[in-house]
Protein backbone atom coordinates (compact mmCIF):
# COMPACT_ATOMS: atom_id res chain seq x y z
CA MET A 1 16.16 -26.13 -23.79
CA ASN A 2 14.65 -27.71 -20.65
CA PRO A 3 13.52 -24.89 -18.26
CA GLN A 4 11.71 -27.35 -15.81
CA LYS A 5 14.98 -29.76 -15.28
CA PHE A 6 17.14 -26.53 -15.80
CA THR A 7 15.26 -24.83 -12.84
CA PHE A 8 14.80 -27.56 -10.44
CA SER A 9 18.07 -29.74 -10.82
CA GLY A 10 21.10 -29.36 -8.51
CA SER A 11 21.24 -27.73 -5.16
CA LEU A 12 18.54 -25.04 -4.82
CA PHE A 13 17.52 -22.76 -2.06
CA ARG A 14 14.38 -24.67 -2.42
CA GLY A 15 12.70 -23.52 0.85
CA ARG A 16 12.86 -19.88 0.29
CA PHE A 17 12.78 -19.45 -3.54
CA MET A 18 11.10 -22.72 -4.86
CA TRP A 19 7.44 -21.09 -5.12
CA HIS A 20 8.88 -18.20 -6.84
CA ALA A 21 10.64 -20.41 -9.17
CA GLN A 22 7.48 -22.13 -10.11
CA TRP A 23 5.53 -19.15 -10.44
CA ASP A 24 7.79 -17.83 -12.85
CA LEU A 25 7.66 -21.14 -14.78
CA ASP A 26 3.88 -20.90 -14.65
CA MET A 27 3.68 -17.53 -16.19
CA ILE A 28 6.18 -18.39 -18.76
CA ASN A 29 4.48 -21.56 -19.89
CA ALA A 30 0.88 -19.68 -19.84
CA VAL A 31 2.62 -17.42 -22.66
CA LYS A 32 4.52 -20.03 -24.40
CA ASN A 33 1.18 -22.24 -24.68
CA SER A 34 -1.15 -19.44 -25.81
CA HIS A 35 -2.13 -18.83 -29.70
CA TYR A 36 -0.07 -15.56 -29.27
CA THR A 37 3.27 -17.66 -29.81
CA ILE A 38 4.51 -17.13 -33.35
CA GLN A 39 7.16 -18.89 -35.28
CA ASN A 40 8.83 -16.02 -37.00
CA ALA A 41 10.84 -14.09 -34.54
CA SER A 42 11.44 -11.24 -37.05
CA ASP A 43 7.52 -10.63 -36.82
CA ALA A 44 7.35 -10.63 -32.92
CA ASP A 45 6.39 -7.34 -30.73
CA ILE A 46 7.49 -9.30 -27.54
CA PHE A 47 10.49 -11.74 -26.74
CA ILE A 48 9.95 -13.82 -23.78
CA VAL A 49 13.23 -14.70 -22.02
CA PRO A 50 12.23 -18.55 -21.20
CA THR A 51 14.40 -19.21 -18.09
CA PRO A 52 12.76 -18.45 -14.74
CA PHE A 53 15.41 -16.59 -12.99
CA SER A 54 14.12 -17.35 -9.53
CA GLY A 55 15.22 -21.00 -9.88
CA LEU A 56 18.81 -19.94 -10.38
CA LEU A 57 19.37 -18.82 -6.99
CA GLY A 58 21.92 -21.06 -5.35
CA PRO A 59 24.62 -23.47 -6.99
CA GLN A 60 23.47 -26.06 -9.46
CA LYS A 61 25.98 -28.93 -9.53
CA HIS A 62 24.61 -30.61 -12.90
CA PHE A 63 24.84 -27.37 -14.74
CA GLY A 64 28.10 -25.73 -13.73
CA ASP A 65 27.33 -21.92 -13.65
CA PRO A 66 23.56 -21.83 -14.63
CA MET A 67 23.47 -18.06 -14.49
CA ASN A 68 26.27 -17.49 -16.79
CA LEU A 69 24.89 -20.00 -19.02
CA ALA A 70 21.65 -18.48 -19.20
CA PHE A 71 22.92 -15.03 -20.06
CA THR A 72 25.64 -16.24 -22.52
CA THR A 73 22.79 -18.04 -24.40
CA LEU A 74 20.62 -14.86 -24.19
CA LEU A 75 23.09 -12.39 -25.48
CA GLN A 76 24.05 -14.71 -28.44
CA GLN A 77 20.32 -14.33 -29.57
CA ASP A 78 19.62 -12.31 -32.95
CA SER A 79 16.55 -10.53 -31.44
CA TRP A 80 18.74 -9.50 -28.30
CA LYS A 81 21.47 -8.18 -30.73
CA LYS A 82 18.75 -6.32 -33.08
CA HIS A 83 16.97 -4.72 -29.94
CA LYS A 84 19.79 -4.63 -27.39
CA GLY A 85 17.18 -5.72 -24.57
CA HIS A 86 14.37 -3.70 -25.63
CA LYS A 87 11.11 -5.54 -26.31
CA HIS A 88 12.52 -8.49 -24.10
CA VAL A 89 10.98 -9.63 -20.48
CA PHE A 90 12.57 -11.44 -17.85
CA PHE A 91 10.59 -13.29 -15.42
CA ALA A 92 12.37 -12.76 -11.82
CA SER A 93 9.46 -12.87 -9.22
CA ALA A 94 11.71 -13.53 -6.34
CA HIS A 95 11.97 -10.33 -3.73
CA VAL A 96 15.81 -10.05 -4.07
CA PHE A 97 15.96 -9.38 -8.18
CA PHE A 98 16.66 -5.78 -9.43
CA ARG A 99 17.38 -4.23 -6.06
CA ARG A 100 20.53 -2.24 -5.61
CA ASP A 101 21.10 -3.28 -1.99
CA ASN A 102 21.44 -6.89 -3.25
CA ILE A 103 24.07 -6.25 -5.76
CA ARG A 104 26.92 -8.01 -3.59
CA GLN A 105 24.49 -10.87 -2.70
CA LEU A 106 23.71 -11.37 -6.39
CA LYS A 107 26.78 -10.64 -8.03
CA GLY A 108 26.28 -13.39 -10.29
CA PHE A 109 23.13 -11.82 -11.60
CA SER A 110 23.81 -7.89 -10.90
CA LYS A 111 26.78 -7.92 -13.14
CA TYR A 112 24.36 -8.01 -15.96
CA TYR A 113 22.43 -5.02 -14.70
CA PRO A 114 24.05 -2.71 -17.21
CA ILE A 115 23.64 -5.13 -20.29
CA ILE A 116 19.97 -5.66 -19.48
CA TYR A 117 18.91 -2.17 -18.54
CA ASN A 118 16.93 -1.84 -21.66
CA SER A 119 14.55 -4.85 -20.90
CA SER A 120 11.47 -5.33 -18.62
CA ALA A 121 11.17 -7.35 -15.70
CA VAL A 122 8.33 -9.21 -14.15
CA LEU A 123 8.72 -8.56 -10.31
CA CYS A 124 6.79 -8.69 -7.14
CA TYR A 125 7.04 -4.93 -6.57
CA ASP A 126 7.25 -1.80 -8.71
CA PRO A 127 10.86 -0.39 -8.28
CA HIS A 128 9.77 2.59 -10.64
CA ALA A 129 6.82 3.73 -8.74
CA ILE A 130 8.79 3.47 -5.40
CA SER A 131 11.63 5.46 -7.17
CA GLU A 132 9.14 8.13 -8.01
CA ALA A 133 7.58 7.87 -4.43
CA CYS A 134 11.10 8.85 -3.27
CA HIS A 135 11.07 12.10 -5.29
CA ASN A 136 7.63 13.28 -4.62
CA ASN A 137 7.82 13.49 -0.91
CA VAL A 138 5.65 10.55 -0.13
CA ASP A 139 5.47 9.54 3.30
CA LEU A 140 7.45 6.24 3.50
CA ALA A 141 7.29 6.11 7.23
CA ASP A 142 9.03 2.86 8.40
CA PHE A 143 9.97 1.96 5.03
CA GLN A 144 12.62 4.64 4.00
CA PRO A 145 15.34 2.08 2.94
CA LEU A 146 12.98 1.47 -0.06
CA CYS A 147 14.83 4.46 -1.39
CA LYS A 148 18.37 2.98 -1.15
CA GLN A 149 16.88 -0.53 -2.58
CA PHE A 150 14.95 0.94 -5.96
CA ASP A 151 16.27 4.69 -6.46
CA PRO A 152 17.24 4.85 -9.33
CA PRO A 153 15.61 1.64 -10.83
CA VAL A 154 18.05 -1.16 -12.35
CA ASN A 155 16.39 -1.36 -15.45
CA ARG A 156 14.10 0.70 -17.92
CA ALA A 157 10.68 -0.86 -17.10
CA SER A 158 9.11 -3.50 -14.86
CA ILE A 159 5.65 -5.16 -14.58
CA SER A 160 4.53 -5.78 -10.92
CA MET A 161 2.67 -9.06 -10.23
CA GLY A 162 2.37 -8.39 -6.26
CA MET A 163 3.74 -10.91 -3.88
CA SER A 164 2.58 -14.25 -5.08
CA PRO A 165 2.74 -17.37 -3.32
CA GLU A 166 2.90 -21.00 -5.20
CA LEU A 167 -0.67 -21.30 -7.15
CA LYS A 168 -0.88 -24.88 -5.94
CA SER A 169 -0.81 -23.88 -2.32
CA MET A 170 -4.12 -22.60 -2.27
CA PRO A 171 -6.82 -23.95 -4.41
CA LEU A 172 -8.79 -21.44 -6.81
CA ARG A 173 -12.26 -20.92 -5.74
CA LEU A 174 -14.15 -18.70 -8.09
CA ALA A 175 -15.81 -15.39 -6.37
CA SER A 176 -19.36 -15.31 -6.38
CA LEU A 177 -22.28 -13.74 -4.29
CA GLU A 178 -23.26 -17.36 -3.41
CA LYS A 179 -19.67 -17.97 -2.25
CA PHE A 180 -19.50 -14.76 -0.02
CA TYR A 181 -22.93 -15.23 1.70
CA ASN A 182 -22.28 -19.15 2.41
CA SER A 183 -19.20 -18.31 4.19
CA SER A 184 -19.27 -18.90 7.66
CA ASN A 185 -16.48 -16.60 8.77
CA LEU A 186 -17.14 -12.58 8.63
CA VAL A 187 -13.25 -11.93 8.71
CA PHE A 188 -10.05 -13.87 8.35
CA PHE A 189 -6.67 -13.31 9.70
CA HIS A 190 -3.89 -15.25 11.34
CA SER A 191 -0.13 -14.09 11.85
CA ARG A 192 3.14 -15.54 13.12
CA ARG A 193 3.83 -14.83 16.97
CA SER A 194 7.19 -13.64 16.20
CA ARG A 195 8.16 -10.01 15.22
CA SER A 196 8.09 -8.27 11.92
CA VAL A 197 10.71 -5.95 10.96
CA SER A 198 10.19 -2.47 9.92
CA ASN A 199 7.98 -1.77 13.04
CA SER A 200 4.99 -3.93 11.67
CA THR A 201 4.50 -6.04 14.42
CA ILE A 202 2.29 -3.59 16.14
CA TYR A 203 0.09 -3.56 12.80
CA ARG A 204 -0.18 -7.54 12.62
CA HIS A 205 -0.78 -8.07 16.38
CA SER A 206 -3.35 -5.34 16.79
CA PRO A 207 -6.51 -7.14 15.62
CA ILE A 208 -5.45 -10.33 17.45
CA THR A 209 -4.94 -8.89 20.85
CA ASN A 210 -7.16 -5.57 20.80
CA ILE A 211 -10.47 -6.79 19.63
CA THR A 212 -13.08 -8.35 21.91
CA PHE A 213 -14.58 -10.93 19.47
CA SER A 214 -17.89 -11.49 21.76
CA ASN A 215 -19.20 -8.36 20.45
CA TYR A 216 -18.84 -9.51 16.64
CA PRO A 217 -20.03 -12.11 14.15
CA LYS A 218 -18.13 -15.30 13.87
CA SER A 219 -14.54 -14.98 12.42
CA SER A 220 -11.13 -16.66 12.21
CA ILE A 221 -8.58 -14.35 13.82
CA GLY A 222 -5.66 -15.06 15.96
CA PHE A 223 -1.87 -16.45 15.75
CA ASP A 224 -0.52 -19.24 13.62
CA LEU A 225 -3.03 -22.18 12.80
CA GLU A 226 -0.41 -25.33 13.11
CA ASN A 227 -2.84 -27.59 11.17
CA ALA A 228 -2.55 -26.59 7.52
CA THR A 229 -5.69 -28.15 6.59
CA ILE A 230 -7.71 -26.26 8.97
CA TRP A 231 -5.83 -22.90 8.20
CA GLN A 232 -6.93 -23.33 4.12
CA ARG A 233 -10.51 -24.48 5.24
CA GLU A 234 -10.68 -21.46 7.41
CA TYR A 235 -9.38 -19.24 4.65
CA MET A 236 -11.69 -20.36 1.96
CA ASP A 237 -14.81 -20.06 4.23
CA SER A 238 -14.34 -16.37 4.75
CA LYS A 239 -16.12 -13.10 3.38
CA PHE A 240 -13.27 -10.79 4.25
CA CYS A 241 -9.64 -11.56 4.59
CA LEU A 242 -7.25 -9.14 5.98
CA VAL A 243 -4.27 -8.31 4.27
CA ILE A 244 -1.62 -6.10 6.90
CA ARG A 245 1.77 -4.81 6.14
CA GLY A 246 4.76 -7.33 7.32
CA ASP A 247 8.33 -7.03 6.79
CA ASP A 248 7.77 -4.91 3.71
CA PRO A 249 4.26 -3.16 2.66
CA ALA A 250 3.24 -6.23 0.71
CA SER A 251 1.87 -9.43 1.78
CA ARG A 252 1.36 -12.78 -0.02
CA SER A 253 -2.30 -12.83 1.86
CA LEU A 254 -3.49 -10.46 -0.81
CA TRP A 255 -2.94 -13.27 -3.37
CA ARG A 256 -4.38 -15.77 -1.23
CA ALA A 257 -7.43 -13.98 -0.58
CA LEU A 258 -7.89 -13.44 -4.10
CA ARG A 259 -7.35 -17.21 -4.99
CA VAL A 260 -10.15 -17.95 -2.45
CA GLY A 261 -12.38 -15.53 -3.63
CA CYS A 262 -12.33 -13.54 -0.63
CA ILE A 263 -12.74 -9.75 -0.54
CA PRO A 264 -9.22 -8.43 0.69
CA VAL A 265 -9.14 -5.63 3.45
CA ILE A 266 -6.01 -3.74 2.79
CA ILE A 267 -4.10 -2.39 5.87
CA SER A 268 -0.95 -1.25 4.36
CA ASN A 269 -0.84 2.45 3.33
CA LEU A 270 2.06 2.02 0.78
CA LEU A 271 0.98 -1.42 -0.76
CA PRO A 272 -0.64 0.19 -3.83
CA ILE A 273 2.66 1.97 -4.53
CA TYR A 274 5.09 -0.79 -3.37
CA SER A 275 3.59 -4.13 -5.01
CA PRO A 276 0.61 -3.36 -7.31
CA MET A 277 -0.80 -6.13 -9.43
CA LEU A 278 -0.93 -5.45 -13.24
CA LYS A 279 -1.51 -1.85 -12.60
CA ASN A 280 -2.53 -0.87 -16.19
CA THR A 281 -5.21 -3.43 -15.91
CA LEU A 282 -6.41 -3.76 -12.38
CA ASN A 283 -6.98 -1.27 -9.52
CA MET A 284 -6.83 -2.52 -6.05
CA THR A 285 -9.45 -0.24 -4.68
CA ASP A 286 -12.09 -1.89 -7.14
CA PHE A 287 -11.97 -5.39 -5.48
CA SER A 288 -10.58 -4.78 -2.09
CA VAL A 289 -11.56 -2.41 1.09
CA VAL A 290 -8.71 -0.27 1.90
CA LEU A 291 -8.15 1.20 5.44
CA ASP A 292 -5.69 3.38 6.86
CA GLU A 293 -3.14 1.28 8.83
CA LYS A 294 -2.63 4.04 11.48
CA GLN A 295 -6.39 4.34 12.46
CA VAL A 296 -6.65 0.50 12.44
CA VAL A 297 -3.88 0.24 15.15
CA ILE A 298 -5.47 2.89 17.26
CA SER A 299 -8.93 1.30 16.86
CA PRO A 300 -8.85 -2.30 15.20
CA GLU A 301 -12.71 -2.48 15.87
CA LYS A 302 -12.89 -0.20 12.92
CA ILE A 303 -12.33 -3.30 10.51
CA PHE A 304 -15.64 -4.76 11.80
CA GLU A 305 -17.37 -1.51 11.56
CA VAL A 306 -16.52 -0.98 7.87
CA VAL A 307 -17.17 -4.28 6.63
CA GLN A 308 -20.53 -4.67 8.60
CA ASN A 309 -21.57 -1.40 7.36
CA MET A 310 -21.34 -2.33 3.55
CA GLY A 311 -24.52 -2.44 1.35
CA MET A 312 -25.44 -5.24 -0.82
CA LYS A 313 -24.89 -3.14 -3.82
CA GLU A 314 -21.07 -2.19 -2.73
CA ILE A 315 -20.39 -5.97 -1.93
CA SER A 316 -21.89 -6.96 -5.33
CA GLU A 317 -19.57 -4.79 -7.02
CA LYS A 318 -16.67 -5.96 -5.18
CA ILE A 319 -17.42 -9.51 -5.92
CA GLN A 320 -17.89 -8.61 -9.67
CA GLN A 321 -14.39 -7.00 -9.76
CA LEU A 322 -13.03 -9.72 -7.70
CA SER A 323 -14.07 -12.10 -10.30
CA PHE A 324 -12.57 -10.09 -12.78
CA ALA A 325 -9.15 -10.04 -10.81
CA GLN A 326 -9.07 -13.88 -10.60
CA GLN A 327 -9.42 -14.14 -14.46
CA VAL A 328 -6.69 -11.59 -15.12
CA LEU A 329 -4.14 -12.89 -12.42
CA PHE A 330 -4.48 -16.71 -12.67
CA PRO A 331 -3.29 -18.53 -15.44
CA ASP A 332 -5.13 -21.93 -14.34
CA HIS A 333 -8.60 -20.05 -14.07
CA PRO A 334 -11.01 -21.55 -16.60
CA LYS A 335 -11.58 -18.31 -18.51
CA SER A 336 -8.24 -16.93 -17.82
CA LEU A 337 -7.29 -13.66 -19.27
CA PHE A 338 -3.84 -13.69 -17.63
CA VAL A 339 -2.01 -13.75 -21.35
CA GLU A 340 -4.08 -10.93 -22.59
CA ALA A 341 -3.43 -8.73 -19.46
CA PHE A 342 0.31 -9.65 -19.50
CA LEU A 343 0.92 -8.74 -23.05
CA LYS A 344 -1.07 -5.48 -22.38
CA GLU A 345 1.25 -4.62 -19.52
CA ALA A 346 4.30 -5.62 -21.47
CA MET A 347 3.66 -3.33 -24.44
CA VAL A 348 2.85 -0.54 -21.85
CA SER A 349 6.12 -1.01 -20.28
CA PHE A 350 8.01 -0.92 -23.57
CA HIS A 351 6.79 2.71 -24.29
């Protein structure tokens, strides 16, 4: 009855999954508080499971076994019994859910996989697109293990929101041409010094170690900025923000770029397949610059060549689409279209 208390009480894996739990709750509350919510369940087209499942990762002493409590309550609902899980949507944005390689780690959750097969799930990736890629000879390169994780998918349908950080971690700055031209940095990118898995270190370090910056306009590129205030300020003061593959094809930096109205430069060939954002509503190429990751490793200067050669018309179109993407993705946008977009995606997933 109290998702906020239920989610954040007890002993939680706070450092690792806390922002996912908060993001699940933000999305649930956005739908709950919208004018699309109705009182008569028999008239509903979509049933939202109000538990943010990312908040159930780890023991919670005050509630005994919260995972079983959540599912026991759900399976008793008349709507669930009537539709057998169809038309129901789970929010589980933590990256460990609905993966076949995590069944042992998530035995408290994964034992329900057969029961919830007919449902749709809001995830940070797209298991169905990945599974399709595995069968269509798409070059997964360093990410072949994805087929073991998602082929076949655990449930019938999914809605990918992309790799999302907590909304409060980065202030929302509305995209505009004024913001773009007033930003001091042409390009922003900072990465940790430690190695990434899946052979991604060479991609993440290449712009930092292989570019002579004296030849290009002012940019903020380098290893981690220890001062969080400076990091945030530099991020918000940039025209283009690099989104480079990491431990998997996705990166939270895509979300951060969108939050601050910075045109993303996507350097991850599999990202649009692995982790799209509301793909029936948005197309990443509309609001992003997409570069081939292998070409950038060979010649990272290509980043500057491409963005500097963009004309005013192209930039204006990217900014316009970036502004629309902000409305669609962020429930806290003053003119948010998040609920409308989510409901559209949910209805598509049911069919």
